[in-house]
Amino acid sequence: MGVKWRFIEEGDRFPQMGIYPQAHLPTGNSRRGLGEGRASYFLPLVAQNSWGKLTVYGDVGYVVQVRETSRNFWYQGVVFLYELSEKVKLGGEIFGNTAKEAGGHSTVSFNVGGQWEICGGYNLLFSAGHSLWGEPTTMTYLGLQILTGGSK
């Protein structure tokens, strides 16, 4: 759960900026290895700027974890998104974090993907990526975004 608040609109001199505090609530059975068993809290600062069909946005944030074996950590990332057409955007992302657990290591990873507007208000989101530094990890994502109200 989270709330995004934009406190600076994008202009000639400044990028759009906001905060997006979130509470990640436990939903799985931690005794069976399904989740942390306790909430964690994400406190990011986000910024975005656009130049024609290119949009760049990034965030830096601090994650507060309350599980005994975990530690708080910093997260950062930057995304480049290019509008190929009115319905298709493609981009890339690089992101990382400091160690999440005592004795753990920092990670840096990348994703490539995009957004395809299927029809008004419905977007297909997709990405795939891999770690560059830290534990070898392959990531994939496929999602359906449903926009409501005046969002587009």
N, C-alpha and C. Protein backbone atom coordinates (compact mmCIF):
# COMPACT_ATOMS: atom_id res chain seq x y z
N MET A 1 0.85 -1.17 0.00
CA MET A 1 0.00 0.00 0.00
C MET A 1 0.89 1.23 0.00
N GLY A 2 0.48 2.24 -0.75
CA GLY A 2 1.28 3.45 -0.79
C GLY A 2 0.48 4.63 -1.31
N VAL A 3 1.05 5.81 -1.13
CA VAL A 3 0.44 7.04 -1.61
C VAL A 3 1.53 7.84 -2.30
N LYS A 4 1.26 8.25 -3.55
CA LYS A 4 2.23 9.04 -4.30
C LYS A 4 1.79 10.50 -4.24
N TRP A 5 2.74 11.39 -3.89
CA TRP A 5 2.45 12.81 -3.82
C TRP A 5 3.50 13.57 -4.62
N ARG A 6 3.05 14.21 -5.71
CA ARG A 6 3.93 15.03 -6.54
C ARG A 6 3.92 16.44 -5.97
N PHE A 7 5.08 16.91 -5.54
CA PHE A 7 5.15 18.25 -4.94
C PHE A 7 5.83 19.27 -5.84
N ILE A 8 6.43 18.84 -6.96
CA ILE A 8 6.97 19.77 -7.96
C ILE A 8 6.52 19.27 -9.33
N GLU A 9 5.87 20.14 -10.10
CA GLU A 9 5.48 19.82 -11.48
C GLU A 9 6.69 19.99 -12.39
N GLU A 10 6.76 19.20 -13.45
CA GLU A 10 7.84 19.33 -14.42
C GLU A 10 7.75 20.69 -15.10
N GLY A 11 8.88 21.37 -15.21
CA GLY A 11 8.92 22.67 -15.85
C GLY A 11 10.22 22.85 -16.60
N ASP A 12 10.50 24.08 -17.01
CA ASP A 12 11.72 24.38 -17.75
C ASP A 12 12.97 24.22 -16.89
N ARG A 13 12.84 24.49 -15.59
CA ARG A 13 14.02 24.49 -14.72
C ARG A 13 14.13 23.27 -13.83
N PHE A 14 13.01 22.60 -13.53
CA PHE A 14 13.05 21.50 -12.58
C PHE A 14 12.31 20.28 -13.13
N PRO A 15 12.77 19.09 -12.77
CA PRO A 15 12.00 17.90 -13.12
C PRO A 15 10.79 17.77 -12.19
N GLN A 16 9.86 16.96 -12.59
CA GLN A 16 8.75 16.60 -11.73
C GLN A 16 9.33 15.81 -10.55
N MET A 17 8.88 16.09 -9.33
CA MET A 17 9.40 15.38 -8.16
C MET A 17 8.27 15.01 -7.22
N GLY A 18 8.46 13.90 -6.52
CA GLY A 18 7.46 13.47 -5.57
C GLY A 18 8.01 12.46 -4.59
N ILE A 19 7.16 12.08 -3.67
CA ILE A 19 7.49 11.00 -2.74
C ILE A 19 6.43 9.92 -2.88
N TYR A 20 6.79 8.71 -2.50
CA TYR A 20 5.89 7.57 -2.67
C TYR A 20 6.07 6.59 -1.51
N PRO A 21 5.74 7.01 -0.27
CA PRO A 21 5.90 6.09 0.86
C PRO A 21 4.96 4.89 0.73
N GLN A 22 5.48 3.71 1.09
CA GLN A 22 4.71 2.47 0.95
C GLN A 22 4.90 1.58 2.17
N ALA A 23 3.88 0.82 2.49
CA ALA A 23 3.96 -0.23 3.50
C ALA A 23 3.74 -1.55 2.77
N HIS A 24 4.72 -2.42 2.83
CA HIS A 24 4.59 -3.76 2.23
C HIS A 24 4.10 -4.69 3.32
N LEU A 25 2.85 -5.10 3.22
CA LEU A 25 2.21 -5.89 4.27
C LEU A 25 2.43 -7.38 4.03
N PRO A 26 2.65 -8.13 5.10
CA PRO A 26 2.87 -9.57 4.94
C PRO A 26 1.56 -10.27 4.56
N THR A 27 1.61 -11.11 3.54
CA THR A 27 0.40 -11.83 3.11
C THR A 27 0.62 -13.33 3.07
N GLY A 28 1.87 -13.78 3.09
CA GLY A 28 2.15 -15.22 3.02
C GLY A 28 2.46 -15.79 4.38
N ASN A 29 2.54 -17.09 4.46
CA ASN A 29 2.87 -17.81 5.69
C ASN A 29 4.39 -17.90 5.79
N SER A 30 4.99 -17.10 6.66
CA SER A 30 6.46 -17.05 6.76
C SER A 30 7.03 -18.37 7.27
N ARG A 31 6.28 -19.15 8.02
CA ARG A 31 6.76 -20.47 8.50
C ARG A 31 6.97 -21.44 7.35
N ARG A 32 6.27 -21.21 6.24
CA ARG A 32 6.42 -22.06 5.05
C ARG A 32 7.33 -21.41 4.01
N GLY A 33 8.02 -20.34 4.40
CA GLY A 33 8.93 -19.66 3.49
C GLY A 33 8.23 -18.75 2.50
N LEU A 34 7.00 -18.36 2.80
CA LEU A 34 6.21 -17.52 1.89
C LEU A 34 6.10 -16.11 2.47
N GLY A 35 7.12 -15.33 2.28
CA GLY A 35 7.10 -13.95 2.74
C GLY A 35 7.89 -13.74 4.01
N GLU A 36 7.95 -12.49 4.42
CA GLU A 36 8.74 -12.06 5.56
C GLU A 36 8.05 -12.32 6.90
N GLY A 37 6.74 -12.29 6.91
CA GLY A 37 6.02 -12.45 8.17
C GLY A 37 5.80 -11.14 8.91
N ARG A 38 6.45 -10.08 8.47
CA ARG A 38 6.29 -8.76 9.07
C ARG A 38 6.31 -7.70 7.98
N ALA A 39 5.76 -6.56 8.29
CA ALA A 39 5.71 -5.46 7.32
C ALA A 39 7.09 -4.85 7.11
N SER A 40 7.29 -4.24 5.95
CA SER A 40 8.46 -3.40 5.70
C SER A 40 7.95 -2.09 5.12
N TYR A 41 8.78 -1.06 5.19
CA TYR A 41 8.35 0.27 4.80
C TYR A 41 9.36 0.87 3.82
N PHE A 42 8.86 1.42 2.72
CA PHE A 42 9.69 1.96 1.65
C PHE A 42 9.45 3.46 1.58
N LEU A 43 10.52 4.25 1.66
CA LEU A 43 10.42 5.71 1.68
C LEU A 43 11.23 6.29 0.52
N PRO A 44 10.65 6.37 -0.70
CA PRO A 44 11.41 6.85 -1.86
C PRO A 44 11.13 8.31 -2.23
N LEU A 45 12.13 8.90 -2.87
CA LEU A 45 12.01 10.18 -3.54
C LEU A 45 12.11 9.89 -5.03
N VAL A 46 11.16 10.39 -5.83
CA VAL A 46 11.13 10.10 -7.27
C VAL A 46 11.21 11.40 -8.06
N ALA A 47 11.84 11.32 -9.25
CA ALA A 47 11.96 12.49 -10.13
C ALA A 47 11.78 12.02 -11.57
N GLN A 48 11.25 12.90 -12.43
CA GLN A 48 11.01 12.56 -13.83
C GLN A 48 11.14 13.81 -14.70
N ASN A 49 11.72 13.62 -15.90
CA ASN A 49 11.79 14.69 -16.87
C ASN A 49 11.61 14.11 -18.26
N SER A 50 10.98 14.87 -19.16
CA SER A 50 10.74 14.41 -20.52
C SER A 50 11.31 15.41 -21.52
N TRP A 51 11.83 14.87 -22.62
CA TRP A 51 12.33 15.65 -23.74
C TRP A 51 11.75 15.02 -25.00
N GLY A 52 10.66 15.57 -25.50
CA GLY A 52 10.01 14.99 -26.67
C GLY A 52 9.48 13.59 -26.35
N LYS A 53 9.94 12.59 -27.10
CA LYS A 53 9.46 11.22 -26.93
C LYS A 53 10.26 10.43 -25.89
N LEU A 54 11.31 11.04 -25.31
CA LEU A 54 12.14 10.38 -24.31
C LEU A 54 11.77 10.87 -22.92
N THR A 55 11.54 9.92 -22.01
CA THR A 55 11.28 10.23 -20.61
C THR A 55 12.31 9.50 -19.76
N VAL A 56 12.86 10.22 -18.79
CA VAL A 56 13.82 9.64 -17.86
C VAL A 56 13.27 9.86 -16.46
N TYR A 57 13.23 8.79 -15.67
CA TYR A 57 12.84 8.96 -14.28
C TYR A 57 13.67 8.06 -13.39
N GLY A 58 13.77 8.46 -12.15
CA GLY A 58 14.58 7.70 -11.21
C GLY A 58 14.06 7.87 -9.81
N ASP A 59 14.57 7.01 -8.95
CA ASP A 59 14.19 7.11 -7.55
C ASP A 59 15.35 6.66 -6.67
N VAL A 60 15.33 7.16 -5.47
CA VAL A 60 16.24 6.73 -4.42
C VAL A 60 15.39 6.61 -3.17
N GLY A 61 15.61 5.55 -2.42
CA GLY A 61 14.77 5.36 -1.25
C GLY A 61 15.43 4.52 -0.19
N TYR A 62 14.82 4.51 0.96
CA TYR A 62 15.31 3.77 2.11
C TYR A 62 14.23 2.77 2.51
N VAL A 63 14.60 1.53 2.72
CA VAL A 63 13.66 0.49 3.11
C VAL A 63 13.91 0.13 4.57
N VAL A 64 12.86 0.25 5.38
CA VAL A 64 12.93 -0.10 6.79
C VAL A 64 12.29 -1.48 6.95
N GLN A 65 13.08 -2.43 7.43
CA GLN A 65 12.59 -3.79 7.63
C GLN A 65 12.55 -4.09 9.12
N VAL A 66 11.54 -4.80 9.56
CA VAL A 66 11.41 -5.11 10.98
C VAL A 66 11.67 -6.57 11.29
N ARG A 67 11.89 -7.40 10.28
CA ARG A 67 12.23 -8.81 10.51
C ARG A 67 13.61 -8.87 11.15
N GLU A 68 13.78 -9.73 12.14
CA GLU A 68 15.01 -9.78 12.91
C GLU A 68 16.25 -10.09 12.09
N THR A 69 16.15 -10.93 11.07
CA THR A 69 17.33 -11.33 10.29
C THR A 69 17.62 -10.38 9.14
N SER A 70 16.77 -9.40 8.92
CA SER A 70 16.96 -8.44 7.83
C SER A 70 17.53 -7.14 8.37
N ARG A 71 18.06 -6.34 7.45
CA ARG A 71 18.54 -5.02 7.84
C ARG A 71 17.95 -3.99 6.89
N ASN A 72 17.90 -2.76 7.33
CA ASN A 72 17.43 -1.68 6.49
C ASN A 72 18.43 -1.48 5.35
N PHE A 73 17.94 -0.98 4.19
CA PHE A 73 18.84 -0.80 3.06
C PHE A 73 18.39 0.34 2.17
N TRP A 74 19.32 0.83 1.35
CA TRP A 74 19.06 1.87 0.35
C TRP A 74 18.77 1.22 -1.00
N TYR A 75 17.89 1.85 -1.77
CA TYR A 75 17.52 1.40 -3.10
C TYR A 75 17.62 2.59 -4.05
N GLN A 76 18.08 2.36 -5.29
CA GLN A 76 18.13 3.41 -6.28
C GLN A 76 17.95 2.83 -7.67
N GLY A 77 17.41 3.63 -8.58
CA GLY A 77 17.21 3.15 -9.94
C GLY A 77 16.95 4.30 -10.89
N VAL A 78 17.19 4.03 -12.18
CA VAL A 78 16.90 5.02 -13.23
C VAL A 78 16.33 4.29 -14.43
N VAL A 79 15.33 4.90 -15.08
CA VAL A 79 14.63 4.31 -16.22
C VAL A 79 14.66 5.29 -17.39
N PHE A 80 14.90 4.74 -18.59
CA PHE A 80 14.81 5.50 -19.84
C PHE A 80 13.67 4.89 -20.64
N LEU A 81 12.69 5.70 -21.04
CA LEU A 81 11.51 5.21 -21.74
C LEU A 81 11.33 6.03 -23.01
N TYR A 82 11.20 5.35 -24.15
CA TYR A 82 11.05 6.02 -25.44
C TYR A 82 9.72 5.65 -26.07
N GLU A 83 8.97 6.65 -26.52
CA GLU A 83 7.66 6.44 -27.15
C GLU A 83 7.85 6.15 -28.63
N LEU A 84 7.69 4.86 -28.99
CA LEU A 84 7.81 4.47 -30.40
C LEU A 84 6.60 4.91 -31.21
N SER A 85 5.42 4.82 -30.60
CA SER A 85 4.17 5.24 -31.23
C SER A 85 3.21 5.66 -30.13
N GLU A 86 2.01 6.06 -30.50
CA GLU A 86 1.01 6.44 -29.49
C GLU A 86 0.68 5.29 -28.55
N LYS A 87 0.85 4.06 -29.01
CA LYS A 87 0.45 2.90 -28.24
C LYS A 87 1.60 2.08 -27.65
N VAL A 88 2.84 2.31 -28.09
CA VAL A 88 3.96 1.48 -27.66
C VAL A 88 5.11 2.33 -27.13
N LYS A 89 5.58 1.98 -25.92
CA LYS A 89 6.75 2.61 -25.32
C LYS A 89 7.72 1.49 -24.94
N LEU A 90 9.01 1.69 -25.23
CA LEU A 90 10.04 0.72 -24.87
C LEU A 90 11.10 1.42 -24.05
N GLY A 91 11.75 0.66 -23.17
CA GLY A 91 12.75 1.29 -22.33
C GLY A 91 13.69 0.31 -21.66
N GLY A 92 14.55 0.89 -20.85
CA GLY A 92 15.51 0.12 -20.07
C GLY A 92 15.65 0.72 -18.69
N GLU A 93 16.10 -0.11 -17.76
CA GLU A 93 16.20 0.30 -16.37
C GLU A 93 17.45 -0.31 -15.76
N ILE A 94 18.13 0.44 -14.91
CA ILE A 94 19.22 -0.10 -14.11
C ILE A 94 18.92 0.28 -12.66
N PHE A 95 19.07 -0.67 -11.76
CA PHE A 95 18.69 -0.43 -10.37
C PHE A 95 19.54 -1.30 -9.44
N GLY A 96 19.58 -0.91 -8.20
CA GLY A 96 20.35 -1.68 -7.23
C GLY A 96 20.01 -1.30 -5.81
N ASN A 97 20.63 -2.02 -4.89
CA ASN A 97 20.42 -1.74 -3.47
C ASN A 97 21.64 -2.17 -2.66
N THR A 98 21.74 -1.61 -1.47
CA THR A 98 22.76 -2.06 -0.54
C THR A 98 22.31 -3.40 0.04
N ALA A 99 23.16 -4.04 0.82
CA ALA A 99 22.85 -5.37 1.39
C ALA A 99 21.56 -5.34 2.20
N LYS A 100 20.72 -6.36 1.99
CA LYS A 100 19.43 -6.45 2.69
C LYS A 100 19.52 -7.26 3.98
N GLU A 101 20.56 -8.05 4.13
CA GLU A 101 20.73 -8.89 5.31
C GLU A 101 22.16 -8.81 5.80
N ALA A 102 22.36 -9.04 7.07
CA ALA A 102 23.70 -9.04 7.64
C ALA A 102 24.56 -10.05 6.88
N GLY A 103 25.74 -9.65 6.46
CA GLY A 103 26.60 -10.53 5.69
C GLY A 103 26.23 -10.61 4.22
N GLY A 104 25.18 -9.92 3.81
CA GLY A 104 24.74 -9.92 2.41
C GLY A 104 25.57 -8.97 1.57
N HIS A 105 25.24 -8.90 0.29
CA HIS A 105 25.98 -8.06 -0.64
C HIS A 105 25.05 -7.10 -1.36
N SER A 106 25.61 -6.01 -1.83
CA SER A 106 24.87 -5.07 -2.68
C SER A 106 24.57 -5.73 -4.02
N THR A 107 23.54 -5.26 -4.70
CA THR A 107 23.19 -5.79 -6.02
C THR A 107 22.98 -4.66 -7.01
N VAL A 108 23.25 -4.95 -8.27
CA VAL A 108 22.93 -4.05 -9.39
C VAL A 108 22.34 -4.92 -10.49
N SER A 109 21.21 -4.52 -11.06
CA SER A 109 20.53 -5.31 -12.08
C SER A 109 20.01 -4.38 -13.19
N PHE A 110 19.59 -5.00 -14.31
CA PHE A 110 18.99 -4.23 -15.40
C PHE A 110 17.75 -4.96 -15.90
N ASN A 111 16.85 -4.21 -16.50
CA ASN A 111 15.65 -4.72 -17.17
C ASN A 111 15.49 -3.99 -18.49
N VAL A 112 14.92 -4.66 -19.47
CA VAL A 112 14.43 -4.01 -20.69
C VAL A 112 12.98 -4.43 -20.84
N GLY A 113 12.15 -3.53 -21.34
CA GLY A 113 10.74 -3.86 -21.46
C GLY A 113 9.96 -2.74 -22.07
N GLY A 114 8.65 -2.74 -21.78
CA GLY A 114 7.83 -1.71 -22.35
C GLY A 114 6.39 -1.75 -21.90
N GLN A 115 5.63 -0.93 -22.60
CA GLN A 115 4.20 -0.76 -22.32
C GLN A 115 3.48 -0.71 -23.66
N TRP A 116 2.42 -1.49 -23.77
CA TRP A 116 1.61 -1.52 -24.98
C TRP A 116 0.17 -1.21 -24.60
N GLU A 117 -0.38 -0.12 -25.13
CA GLU A 117 -1.77 0.24 -24.87
C GLU A 117 -2.65 -0.67 -25.71
N ILE A 118 -3.33 -1.59 -25.05
CA ILE A 118 -4.20 -2.56 -25.73
C ILE A 118 -5.45 -1.84 -26.24
N CYS A 119 -6.09 -1.09 -25.35
CA CYS A 119 -7.22 -0.24 -25.68
C CYS A 119 -7.31 0.80 -24.57
N GLY A 120 -8.12 1.82 -24.75
CA GLY A 120 -8.21 2.93 -23.80
C GLY A 120 -8.26 2.48 -22.35
N GLY A 121 -7.27 2.86 -21.58
CA GLY A 121 -7.27 2.54 -20.15
C GLY A 121 -6.67 1.20 -19.78
N TYR A 122 -6.27 0.38 -20.74
CA TYR A 122 -5.69 -0.94 -20.45
C TYR A 122 -4.33 -1.05 -21.13
N ASN A 123 -3.30 -1.26 -20.33
CA ASN A 123 -1.94 -1.38 -20.85
C ASN A 123 -1.33 -2.71 -20.46
N LEU A 124 -0.62 -3.32 -21.37
CA LEU A 124 0.16 -4.52 -21.09
C LEU A 124 1.58 -4.06 -20.76
N LEU A 125 2.08 -4.41 -19.58
CA LEU A 125 3.42 -4.06 -19.14
C LEU A 125 4.28 -5.32 -19.18
N PHE A 126 5.51 -5.22 -19.66
CA PHE A 126 6.36 -6.40 -19.78
C PHE A 126 7.82 -6.01 -19.60
N SER A 127 8.61 -6.90 -19.03
CA SER A 127 10.05 -6.66 -18.90
C SER A 127 10.78 -7.97 -18.62
N ALA A 128 12.08 -7.94 -18.89
CA ALA A 128 12.97 -9.06 -18.57
C ALA A 128 14.34 -8.47 -18.28
N GLY A 129 15.05 -9.11 -17.36
CA GLY A 129 16.36 -8.58 -17.02
C GLY A 129 17.20 -9.58 -16.26
N HIS A 130 18.37 -9.11 -15.84
CA HIS A 130 19.33 -9.98 -15.16
C HIS A 130 20.20 -9.13 -14.23
N SER A 131 20.75 -9.76 -13.24
CA SER A 131 21.66 -9.05 -12.35
C SER A 131 22.99 -8.80 -13.04
N LEU A 132 23.63 -7.70 -12.71
CA LEU A 132 24.95 -7.37 -13.21
C LEU A 132 26.01 -7.59 -12.14
N TRP A 133 25.58 -7.42 -10.88
CA TRP A 133 26.49 -7.54 -9.76
C TRP A 133 25.69 -8.10 -8.59
N GLY A 134 26.28 -9.01 -7.86
CA GLY A 134 25.58 -9.64 -6.75
C GLY A 134 25.13 -11.04 -7.16
N GLU A 135 24.21 -11.59 -6.40
CA GLU A 135 23.72 -12.94 -6.67
C GLU A 135 23.09 -13.01 -8.07
N PRO A 136 23.48 -14.02 -8.89
CA PRO A 136 22.91 -14.14 -10.25
C PRO A 136 21.38 -14.34 -10.18
N THR A 137 20.68 -13.45 -10.84
CA THR A 137 19.22 -13.48 -10.82
C THR A 137 18.69 -13.09 -12.19
N THR A 138 17.69 -13.84 -12.66
CA THR A 138 16.97 -13.49 -13.88
C THR A 138 15.57 -13.08 -13.48
N MET A 139 15.07 -11.98 -14.07
CA MET A 139 13.76 -11.45 -13.72
C MET A 139 12.89 -11.33 -14.96
N THR A 140 11.61 -11.64 -14.82
CA THR A 140 10.63 -11.37 -15.88
C THR A 140 9.38 -10.80 -15.22
N TYR A 141 8.64 -10.01 -15.99
CA TYR A 141 7.43 -9.40 -15.47
C TYR A 141 6.43 -9.25 -16.60
N LEU A 142 5.19 -9.57 -16.31
CA LEU A 142 4.09 -9.35 -17.23
C LEU A 142 2.91 -8.89 -16.40
N GLY A 143 2.34 -7.73 -16.76
CA GLY A 143 1.23 -7.21 -15.97
C GLY A 143 0.22 -6.48 -16.81
N LEU A 144 -0.97 -6.35 -16.27
CA LEU A 144 -2.04 -5.59 -16.89
C LEU A 144 -2.28 -4.35 -16.04
N GLN A 145 -2.13 -3.18 -16.62
CA GLN A 145 -2.37 -1.92 -15.93
C GLN A 145 -3.74 -1.42 -16.34
N ILE A 146 -4.57 -1.10 -15.35
CA ILE A 146 -5.90 -0.57 -15.60
C ILE A 146 -5.94 0.85 -15.05
N LEU A 147 -6.12 1.82 -15.96
CA LEU A 147 -6.16 3.22 -15.58
C LEU A 147 -7.61 3.64 -15.41
N THR A 148 -7.86 4.42 -14.37
CA THR A 148 -9.23 4.88 -14.10
C THR A 148 -9.25 6.40 -14.05
N GLY A 149 -10.42 6.97 -14.08
CA GLY A 149 -10.57 8.42 -13.97
C GLY A 149 -9.93 9.13 -15.14
N GLY A 150 -9.22 10.23 -14.83
CA GLY A 150 -8.61 11.06 -15.86
C GLY A 150 -7.21 10.59 -16.24
N SER A 151 -6.73 9.46 -15.71
CA SER A 151 -5.38 9.00 -16.02
C SER A 151 -5.29 8.50 -17.45
N LYS A 152 -4.15 8.71 -18.08
CA LYS A 152 -3.92 8.19 -19.43
C LYS A 152 -2.46 7.92 -19.60
